[in-house]
Every structure is written in structure tokens, then in C-alpha cells.
């Protein structure tokens, strides 16, 4: 039986329309048409935001700080990414922790500490680990940058907020790196390698190598993220934490798009979570060497729930100098061995032989303490030093001028 001409035309149009979308979808796999634009921000280019602005990515609507904080309060886990050396990102983290701690019991999960350091972290919370021992724990687990996190640590201790080390131990990492593992090995967390977007984005970050050469670093990345996710899941399962919220501080890569720690923790125990990314407005010219060139990857995922736009400030970039040569005294602290001519120290009245006791009210017990505090100073800033000279205790003010 012949078909009505109108019916035939409709069928041809529908078939053509279906074929068009089928071809579009399968062309080159998941093509750019199916990626979320602007690096995971579908409604607004993040480059157009000013410092301090907060954007809800799924809707493209701007919100104020209180609105965002009220919204994330419904989550059990709050992931806050960071650029590790950015002072402004850590300020955002502290503000969020302070807000949540006013309303709820809060614990803080930290990429910067290893699971093997948990006993000492507990002692720090209980006031049984000295500041110097805690700082050494940070240096041995993570490396430099203690002062960036110090305000967070001090607030946590003042409010008795538990600190939780998330990362795998060096022993586990070395064993994993050696390849001496077998299926079902309980030394390692369950590792999922099947997320195509995580793999593609990771390879773009590593860049410049063959896929085969990248397998080992990619496997290590998976170990780190699965271990951190396992630690989050263990926290959620522990009955002692049933009323607590967990704030996770980790590199932005590990939480961005949700396919790192968040997805891997959710796989273990489904729960409500939020992702916040402190995002850099613009990389200053003097920090361009820190900017990473990343090949564009098409990812059909939101980058986060919220982006909080921040400036990029790194301690020590202004090269502020005191103008002294320092020596570590075995028992008594930091001694000035020499003072430079026309230096900031000489202008302030410092002399060789002076013992540096404190800077801006913070006790100085090592040369590193002085260097870290100087790293936060800009030209024309002022600092107050307490000195011990012979039997006298002196207070001097230093104005940090640029060396001529």
C-alpha cells in the first residue's frame, strides 16, 4: 500500500534529523559540542569575573558569600580546592571553615599530611605536640609553605577541630612504585582506572610524553586520590563522626570536575558533597613562570558547584630583605652574625650579635621562621622585632625598603 506523500516527507525529515545528531555525537568520540564550555562553567567565562565574586556554576548565577555558605551547609563533605602557593586561596579556605565551625562540629581533611602522621595530628589537637614538632611534621609530610596554612592550623587548634591526614604513606608509595603488588593486595586502596575524563585530563596535565611513559605517574596519581577518598569514606563510616562535617583541603586538580577524590569517595559511600574552587582571576606577570600550559580537553562536566574568584599572591615574590646574615644558635634561637651597609636592619638599629627573639609578636626559633615571615612582607610594610642585646631586651621597628 502506497504511503501518503506528506507522511513520507515527515519520516524523511525525522530520519535526517536523527542521523544528524547521531553523527554529531559519534564524530571523534565526545566532541567539543558536548563539552561544558569555559573549562566547566557553562553560563559564564570565569575570566570575566572580578576578585571576590562567587559564581554558582550549574546555574551561572552570582551569589554572595553568605548565600554560598548557607547552601553548602547541607553537604556532609565540602571540598575546597587550592593553588598550593596562593595566599588568597588559603584565606578562602579559612573563611569557609570559620563559618561552618560556628554552626556544626567540623573536621579538616588535609592532602598535606599523610595517614601515617595521624597519631601526631591527634596529639597536636590535644595540645600535646609542640609548635616546632608540628611544623616538622608538616615539613616531613609535605615540604615548604607552612606559613600559608598556619592560620588554618591555629584556628583548628583553638576550636578543637580534628585534623585528618589524607595521603598515602611513603612506605605504601614506594611499594606501589616498585610494582610488587598482586590482585587483592590489601596494602592499597581499591583503584578505579575507568573514568575516561579523569584519564584524559590527567594526561593533558602531564603533557609532552608518550601515553606509555605516562602510565606510571598516572597510576601514582590514582593511588593518591583513591587513598584520600578511602580516608574520607572511613571518616563518614565512623560512628564517632556521625554529626561532623568534613572539610577537605586539596589541590584543585584533585577535586575539580568531581572525578578525583569526590567521585572516588562517593563510590565507597554515597553522601552529599559540595565542591568549591578558589579560581585565579589573572596570573601576574612576575608569576607567569608558574602558569601551567595544559592542552585543552573536552569534558562534559561542571568544574565545581561554586567558583570563588581570587587574586594570585605568592609569599616572597617582592624579594623583601632584612639585610642580615643569620646563624642558628643551638639553644638560644637566631643570632645576627652580620648587618649589611645601608640595609633595612642597619637603618632600624640592629647590630651583629643581636639575638632575634620575635617578629610581629611571633617567636623565632629558627632561621626558617624568619625567612617564612619575611616572605609575607611587601615593600614599605613594617615589622616589630624584639631583640636580646647583652642583658637588654630591645624593640625595634623595621621598614622594608627596596635595596638600592
Protein backbone atom coordinates (compact mmCIF):
# COMPACT_ATOMS: atom_id res chain seq x y z
CA UNK A 1 0.00 0.00 0.00
CA UNK A 2 1.43 3.40 -1.01
CA UNK A 3 2.15 5.95 1.72
CA UNK A 4 0.72 9.42 1.91
CA UNK A 5 3.31 11.89 0.42
CA UNK A 6 3.06 14.11 3.50
CA UNK A 7 3.78 11.13 5.79
CA UNK A 8 6.81 10.20 3.67
CA UNK A 9 8.21 13.74 3.91
CA UNK A 10 7.75 13.80 7.71
CA UNK A 11 9.55 10.47 8.04
CA UNK A 12 12.43 11.65 5.85
CA UNK A 13 12.82 14.85 7.90
CA UNK A 14 12.78 12.94 11.20
CA UNK A 15 15.27 10.38 9.91
CA UNK A 16 17.58 13.12 8.66
CA UNK A 17 17.33 14.96 11.99
CA UNK A 18 18.13 11.77 13.93
CA UNK A 19 21.06 10.91 11.63
CA UNK A 20 22.48 14.45 12.04
CA UNK A 21 22.58 14.19 15.84
CA UNK A 22 23.88 10.63 15.72
CA UNK A 23 26.78 11.67 13.50
CA UNK A 24 27.46 14.74 15.63
CA UNK A 25 27.61 12.66 18.78
CA UNK A 26 29.92 9.97 17.41
CA UNK A 27 32.20 12.24 15.41
CA UNK A 28 35.65 12.00 17.03
CA UNK A 29 34.11 10.46 20.14
CA UNK A 30 32.84 13.06 22.62
CA UNK A 31 33.47 16.18 20.57
CA UNK A 32 33.72 19.78 21.76
CA UNK A 33 29.99 20.26 21.17
CA UNK A 34 29.36 18.03 24.18
CA UNK A 35 31.93 19.62 26.48
CA UNK A 36 30.95 22.21 29.05
CA UNK A 37 32.43 25.48 27.73
CA UNK A 38 34.80 27.84 29.57
CA UNK A 39 36.58 24.99 31.35
CA UNK A 40 33.46 23.71 33.09
CA UNK A 41 31.46 26.93 33.53
CA UNK A 42 28.56 26.69 31.05
CA UNK A 43 26.98 30.11 31.51
CA UNK A 44 29.85 32.48 32.15
CA UNK A 45 33.52 32.70 31.29
CA UNK A 46 35.39 32.65 34.58
CA UNK A 47 37.93 35.09 33.11
CA UNK A 48 35.20 37.75 33.21
CA UNK A 49 34.79 37.53 37.00
CA UNK A 50 36.37 40.04 39.37
CA UNK A 51 38.23 39.04 42.52
CA UNK A 52 35.74 38.34 45.29
CA UNK A 53 32.88 37.32 43.03
CA UNK A 54 31.27 33.90 43.60
CA UNK A 55 29.54 32.01 40.80
CA UNK A 56 27.20 29.02 41.07
CA UNK A 57 28.32 27.06 38.01
CA UNK A 58 25.23 24.87 37.37
CA UNK A 59 23.02 27.98 37.05
CA UNK A 60 25.50 30.68 36.11
CA UNK A 61 24.10 32.88 38.88
CA UNK A 62 26.26 35.06 41.08
CA UNK A 63 25.79 34.71 44.84
CA UNK A 64 27.21 36.43 47.88
CA UNK A 65 29.35 34.67 50.44
CA UNK A 66 26.54 34.01 52.92
CA UNK A 67 24.29 32.54 50.23
CA UNK A 68 27.01 30.14 49.13
CA UNK A 69 27.88 29.17 52.70
CA UNK A 70 24.24 28.57 53.60
CA UNK A 71 23.89 26.37 50.53
CA UNK A 72 26.93 24.17 51.18
CA UNK A 73 25.86 23.69 54.79
CA UNK A 74 23.57 20.92 53.58
CA UNK A 75 26.58 18.85 52.49
CA UNK A 76 28.38 16.28 54.60
CA UNK A 77 31.70 16.83 52.84
CA UNK A 78 32.90 20.18 51.49
CA UNK A 79 35.85 20.00 49.10
CA UNK A 80 37.84 23.24 48.73
CA UNK A 81 40.49 23.20 46.02
CA UNK A 82 43.60 25.34 46.04
CA UNK A 83 46.61 26.53 44.15
CA UNK A 84 49.06 25.42 46.82
CA UNK A 85 51.22 28.56 46.91
CA UNK A 86 48.39 31.11 46.64
CA UNK A 87 47.80 33.06 49.87
CA UNK A 88 44.32 34.14 48.72
CA UNK A 89 43.11 30.56 48.20
CA UNK A 90 44.02 29.71 51.78
CA UNK A 91 42.15 32.77 53.04
CA UNK A 92 39.02 31.46 51.30
CA UNK A 93 39.51 28.06 52.92
CA UNK A 94 39.81 29.61 56.37
CA UNK A 95 36.67 31.75 55.91
CA UNK A 96 34.62 28.70 54.94
CA UNK A 97 35.94 26.65 57.88
CA UNK A 98 35.25 29.50 60.31
CA UNK A 99 31.67 29.85 59.07
CA UNK A 100 30.91 26.12 59.27
CA UNK A 101 32.55 25.76 62.69
CA UNK A 102 30.11 28.31 64.13
CA UNK A 103 27.18 26.03 63.31
CA UNK A 104 28.45 22.45 63.17
CA UNK A 105 31.10 20.08 64.50
CA UNK A 106 33.80 20.17 61.81
CA UNK A 107 36.89 18.14 60.98
CA UNK A 108 39.51 19.12 58.40
CA UNK A 109 40.97 16.60 55.94
CA UNK A 110 44.36 17.62 54.57
CA UNK A 111 46.24 16.46 51.50
CA UNK A 112 49.33 17.95 53.15
CA UNK A 113 49.52 15.24 55.80
CA UNK A 114 49.89 11.50 55.40
CA UNK A 115 47.76 8.86 57.07
CA UNK A 116 50.93 7.66 58.81
CA UNK A 117 51.11 11.01 60.65
CA UNK A 118 47.64 10.74 62.23
CA UNK A 119 48.84 9.95 65.75
CA UNK A 120 50.89 13.14 65.85
CA UNK A 121 48.00 15.14 64.38
CA UNK A 122 45.84 13.86 67.23
CA UNK A 123 48.48 14.95 69.73
CA UNK A 124 48.55 18.43 68.15
CA UNK A 125 44.79 18.71 68.59
CA UNK A 126 45.10 17.65 72.21
CA UNK A 127 47.77 20.28 72.85
CA UNK A 128 50.42 17.60 73.40
CA UNK A 129 52.59 18.35 70.35
CA UNK A 130 54.77 21.46 70.37
CA UNK A 131 54.58 24.03 67.59
CA UNK A 132 58.08 23.08 66.49
CA UNK A 133 57.25 19.36 66.35
CA UNK A 134 54.05 20.11 64.42
CA UNK A 135 55.95 22.26 61.95
CA UNK A 136 58.49 19.48 61.49
CA UNK A 137 55.63 17.04 60.84
CA UNK A 138 54.32 19.36 58.12
CA UNK A 139 57.77 19.72 56.53
CA UNK A 140 58.37 15.95 56.56
CA UNK A 141 54.90 15.18 55.15
CA UNK A 142 54.58 17.99 52.63
CA UNK A 143 57.57 20.33 52.40
CA UNK A 144 57.68 24.13 52.37
CA UNK A 145 54.74 26.50 52.76
CA UNK A 146 53.89 26.03 56.44
CA UNK A 147 53.06 29.72 56.94
CA UNK A 148 50.41 29.55 54.21
CA UNK A 149 48.43 27.04 56.25
CA UNK A 150 49.36 28.27 59.73
CA UNK A 151 46.22 30.44 60.27
CA UNK A 152 44.07 27.37 59.44
CA UNK A 153 46.03 25.18 61.86
CA UNK A 154 45.84 27.77 64.63
CA UNK A 155 42.08 28.17 64.20
CA UNK A 156 41.60 24.40 64.18
CA UNK A 157 43.50 24.02 67.43
CA UNK A 158 41.70 26.95 69.08
CA UNK A 159 38.32 25.35 68.27
CA UNK A 160 39.44 21.75 68.79
CA UNK A 161 38.73 20.81 65.16
CA UNK A 162 40.33 17.43 64.31
CA UNK A 163 42.96 17.43 61.56
CA UNK A 164 42.99 14.32 59.38
CA UNK A 165 45.88 13.24 57.18
CA UNK A 166 44.54 12.02 53.84
CA UNK A 167 47.53 10.99 51.76
CA UNK A 168 49.23 7.60 51.46
CA UNK A 169 52.41 6.88 53.41
CA UNK A 170 55.81 6.90 51.73
CA UNK A 171 56.17 3.20 52.54
CA UNK A 172 52.99 2.41 50.60
CA UNK A 173 54.02 4.70 47.73
CA UNK A 174 57.47 3.10 47.45
CA UNK A 175 55.97 -0.38 47.50
CA UNK A 176 53.42 0.64 44.88
CA UNK A 177 56.10 2.27 42.72
CA UNK A 178 58.18 -0.91 42.76
CA UNK A 179 55.29 -2.82 41.18
CA UNK A 180 55.42 -5.59 43.81
CA UNK A 181 51.64 -5.72 44.11
CA UNK A 182 49.24 -8.53 43.35
CA UNK A 183 45.47 -8.64 42.72
CA UNK A 184 43.63 -8.28 46.01
CA UNK A 185 46.65 -6.75 47.77
CA UNK A 186 45.18 -5.12 50.90
CA UNK A 187 48.10 -2.71 51.19
CA UNK A 188 46.47 -0.48 48.58
CA UNK A 189 43.00 1.02 48.30
CA UNK A 190 40.64 -0.18 45.59
CA UNK A 191 41.71 1.66 42.43
CA UNK A 192 39.34 2.53 39.58
CA UNK A 193 41.03 3.38 36.27
CA UNK A 194 37.89 3.53 34.12
CA UNK A 195 36.93 7.23 34.19
CA UNK A 196 37.72 8.48 30.64
CA UNK A 197 37.55 12.17 31.54
CA UNK A 198 39.86 11.80 34.52
CA UNK A 199 42.42 9.98 32.38
CA UNK A 200 42.20 12.48 29.51
CA UNK A 201 42.52 15.49 31.82
CA UNK A 202 45.39 13.90 33.75
CA UNK A 203 47.30 13.15 30.56
CA UNK A 204 46.80 16.75 29.41
CA UNK A 205 48.24 17.97 32.72
CA UNK A 206 51.26 15.65 32.48
CA UNK A 207 51.74 16.56 28.80
CA UNK A 208 54.66 16.13 26.45
CA UNK A 209 55.21 12.38 26.84
CA UNK A 210 54.04 9.23 25.19
CA UNK A 211 50.99 7.53 26.67
CA UNK A 212 53.15 4.59 27.76
CA UNK A 213 55.57 6.85 29.62
CA UNK A 214 52.65 8.45 31.45
CA UNK A 215 51.19 5.24 32.83
CA UNK A 216 53.42 5.16 35.92
CA UNK A 217 52.75 8.76 37.05
CA UNK A 218 49.06 8.28 36.29
CA UNK A 219 48.95 5.14 38.44
CA UNK A 220 50.63 7.05 41.29
CA UNK A 221 48.07 9.84 40.93
CA UNK A 222 45.32 7.22 41.21
CA UNK A 223 46.92 5.82 44.36
CA UNK A 224 46.97 9.29 45.96
CA UNK A 225 43.37 10.10 45.08
CA UNK A 226 41.99 6.68 45.98
CA UNK A 227 43.82 6.79 49.33
CA UNK A 228 42.42 10.24 50.09
CA UNK A 229 38.95 9.07 49.02
CA UNK A 230 39.27 5.97 51.20
CA UNK A 231 40.18 8.18 54.18
CA UNK A 232 37.11 10.36 53.53
CA UNK A 233 34.91 7.24 53.37
CA UNK A 234 36.38 5.88 56.60
CA UNK A 235 35.60 9.18 58.29
CA UNK A 236 31.99 9.05 57.10
CA UNK A 237 31.52 5.46 58.24
CA UNK A 238 32.93 6.01 61.72
CA UNK A 239 30.00 6.42 64.17
CA UNK A 240 32.02 8.92 66.21
CA UNK A 241 31.81 11.32 63.23
CA UNK A 242 28.09 10.92 62.52
CA UNK A 243 27.32 14.58 63.35
CA UNK A 244 30.52 16.05 61.90
CA UNK A 245 31.10 17.74 58.57
CA UNK A 246 34.40 17.14 56.82
CA UNK A 247 36.14 20.00 55.02
CA UNK A 248 38.74 18.63 52.59
CA UNK A 249 41.64 20.87 51.54
CA UNK A 250 43.45 19.57 48.46
CA UNK A 251 44.96 20.74 45.20
CA UNK A 252 42.34 21.99 42.76
CA UNK A 253 43.15 19.18 40.32
CA UNK A 254 42.10 16.53 42.85
CA UNK A 255 38.59 17.98 43.27
CA UNK A 256 37.91 19.84 40.00
CA UNK A 257 35.18 18.21 37.87
CA UNK A 258 34.49 15.87 40.78
CA UNK A 259 36.17 12.85 39.16
CA UNK A 260 39.13 12.81 41.55
CA UNK A 261 38.59 12.49 45.31
CA UNK A 262 34.81 13.32 45.34
CA UNK A 263 33.72 10.58 42.91
CA UNK A 264 36.06 8.01 44.43
CA UNK A 265 34.76 8.73 47.95
CA UNK A 266 31.14 8.65 46.72
CA UNK A 267 31.79 5.27 45.09
CA UNK A 268 32.64 3.90 48.52
CA UNK A 269 29.79 5.55 50.41
CA UNK A 270 27.17 7.78 48.70
CA UNK A 271 26.80 11.12 50.51
CA UNK A 272 26.01 14.78 49.89
CA UNK A 273 29.04 16.88 48.97
CA UNK A 274 29.93 20.31 47.54
CA UNK A 275 32.97 21.44 45.56
CA UNK A 276 34.33 24.99 45.80
CA UNK A 277 37.20 26.22 43.65
CA UNK A 278 39.12 29.38 44.52
CA UNK A 279 39.87 30.42 40.94
CA UNK A 280 42.63 32.85 39.92
CA UNK A 281 41.47 35.99 38.12
CA UNK A 282 44.74 36.65 36.33
CA UNK A 283 48.30 35.41 36.69
CA UNK A 284 50.55 38.45 37.40
CA UNK A 285 53.49 39.00 35.09
CA UNK A 286 56.00 38.13 37.83
CA UNK A 287 54.30 34.75 38.35
CA UNK A 288 53.91 33.74 34.70
CA UNK A 289 56.64 31.15 35.10
CA UNK A 290 54.30 29.28 37.47
CA UNK A 291 51.49 29.09 34.91
CA UNK A 292 50.97 25.60 33.52
CA UNK A 293 50.38 25.06 29.83
CA UNK A 294 47.61 22.48 29.52
CA UNK A 295 46.29 21.03 26.28
CA UNK A 296 42.53 21.58 26.02
CA UNK A 297 40.40 18.52 26.75
CA UNK A 298 36.66 18.25 26.09
CA UNK A 299 34.97 17.36 29.37
CA UNK A 300 31.15 17.29 29.71
CA UNK A 301 31.20 18.11 33.45
CA UNK A 302 30.82 21.19 35.65
CA UNK A 303 34.17 22.21 37.12
CA UNK A 304 32.64 22.65 40.61
CA UNK A 305 29.50 23.73 42.39
CA UNK A 306 30.91 27.17 43.14
CA UNK A 307 33.86 29.22 41.94
CA UNK A 308 35.20 31.92 44.26
CA UNK A 309 37.36 34.25 42.22
CA UNK A 310 40.63 35.27 43.89
CA UNK A 311 43.85 37.08 43.06
CA UNK A 312 47.15 35.21 42.85
CA UNK A 313 49.57 36.21 45.60
CA UNK A 314 52.62 34.19 46.48
CA UNK A 315 54.78 34.97 49.53
CA UNK A 316 58.27 36.25 48.89
CA UNK A 317 57.78 37.46 45.33
CA UNK A 318 58.77 41.02 46.19
CA UNK A 319 62.15 39.81 47.48
CA UNK A 320 61.85 41.80 50.71
CA UNK A 321 65.13 41.61 52.66
CA UNK A 322 66.16 42.36 56.20
CA UNK A 323 69.81 42.70 55.18
CA UNK A 324 71.47 40.46 57.73
CA UNK A 325 73.40 37.22 57.89
CA UNK A 326 71.81 34.88 60.41
CA UNK A 327 73.06 31.86 62.31
CA UNK A 328 71.13 29.19 64.16
CA UNK A 329 72.10 29.07 67.81
CA UNK A 330 71.97 25.58 69.27
CA UNK A 331 69.89 26.51 72.28
CA UNK A 332 69.08 30.21 72.19
CA UNK A 333 67.50 30.84 68.76
CA UNK A 334 68.56 33.08 65.87
CA UNK A 335 71.68 35.25 66.09
CA UNK A 336 72.62 38.14 63.76
CA UNK A 337 76.18 37.48 62.57
CA UNK A 338 76.48 40.44 60.19
CA UNK A 339 74.46 43.52 59.17
CA UNK A 340 74.63 44.90 55.64
CA UNK A 341 75.57 48.52 54.98
CA UNK A 342 72.51 50.75 54.38
CA UNK A 343 70.29 47.69 54.89
CA UNK A 344 66.81 47.75 56.43
CA UNK A 345 68.27 46.11 59.54
CA UNK A 346 71.02 48.74 59.93
CA UNK A 347 68.50 51.59 59.44
CA UNK A 348 66.38 50.07 62.22
CA UNK A 349 69.36 49.86 64.57
CA UNK A 350 70.10 46.13 64.53
CA UNK A 351 73.69 45.09 65.25
CA UNK A 352 75.87 41.99 64.89
CA UNK A 353 75.47 39.79 67.94
CA UNK A 354 71.81 40.66 68.50
CA UNK A 355 69.57 37.70 69.23
CA UNK A 356 66.24 37.78 67.34
CA UNK A 357 63.51 36.83 69.82
CA UNK A 358 60.28 37.59 67.95
CA UNK A 359 58.88 39.24 64.81
CA UNK A 360 55.44 40.85 64.96
CA UNK A 361 54.78 39.00 68.20
CA UNK A 362 55.69 35.58 66.77
CA UNK A 363 58.52 33.73 68.49
CA UNK A 364 61.58 32.98 66.34
CA UNK A 365 63.28 29.66 66.96
CA UNK A 366 64.97 29.07 63.60
CA UNK A 367 66.32 30.89 60.55
CA UNK A 368 63.46 29.34 58.57
CA UNK A 369 60.97 31.12 60.88
CA UNK A 370 62.49 34.48 59.92
CA UNK A 371 62.55 33.69 56.19
CA UNK A 372 58.95 32.49 56.14
CA UNK A 373 57.65 35.61 57.92
CA UNK A 374 59.67 37.86 55.60
CA UNK A 375 58.04 36.06 52.68
CA UNK A 376 54.70 37.65 53.55
CA UNK A 377 56.05 41.20 53.57
CA UNK A 378 55.79 43.75 50.77
CA UNK A 379 57.90 46.82 50.22
CA UNK A 380 57.01 49.65 52.64
CA UNK A 381 55.49 47.19 55.13
CA UNK A 382 56.64 47.45 58.75
CA UNK A 383 57.58 44.81 61.30
CA UNK A 384 58.37 44.98 65.00
CA UNK A 385 61.28 42.87 66.22
CA UNK A 386 62.18 42.04 69.80
CA UNK A 387 65.93 41.69 70.28
CA UNK A 388 68.21 40.49 73.05
CA UNK A 389 71.44 42.54 73.21
CA UNK A 390 73.75 41.61 76.06
CA UNK A 391 71.44 41.90 79.07
CA UNK A 392 68.97 44.24 77.40
CA UNK A 393 65.66 43.46 75.70
CA UNK A 394 65.06 45.92 72.85
CA UNK A 395 62.17 46.56 70.48
CA UNK A 396 62.91 47.94 67.00
CA UNK A 397 60.72 48.70 64.01
CA UNK A 398 61.89 47.78 60.52
CA UNK A 399 60.51 49.44 57.39
CA UNK A 400 61.13 47.20 54.38
CA UNK A 401 62.56 49.40 51.64
CA UNK A 402 63.82 48.07 48.33
CA UNK A 403 67.57 47.54 48.18
CA UNK A 404 69.39 50.24 46.23
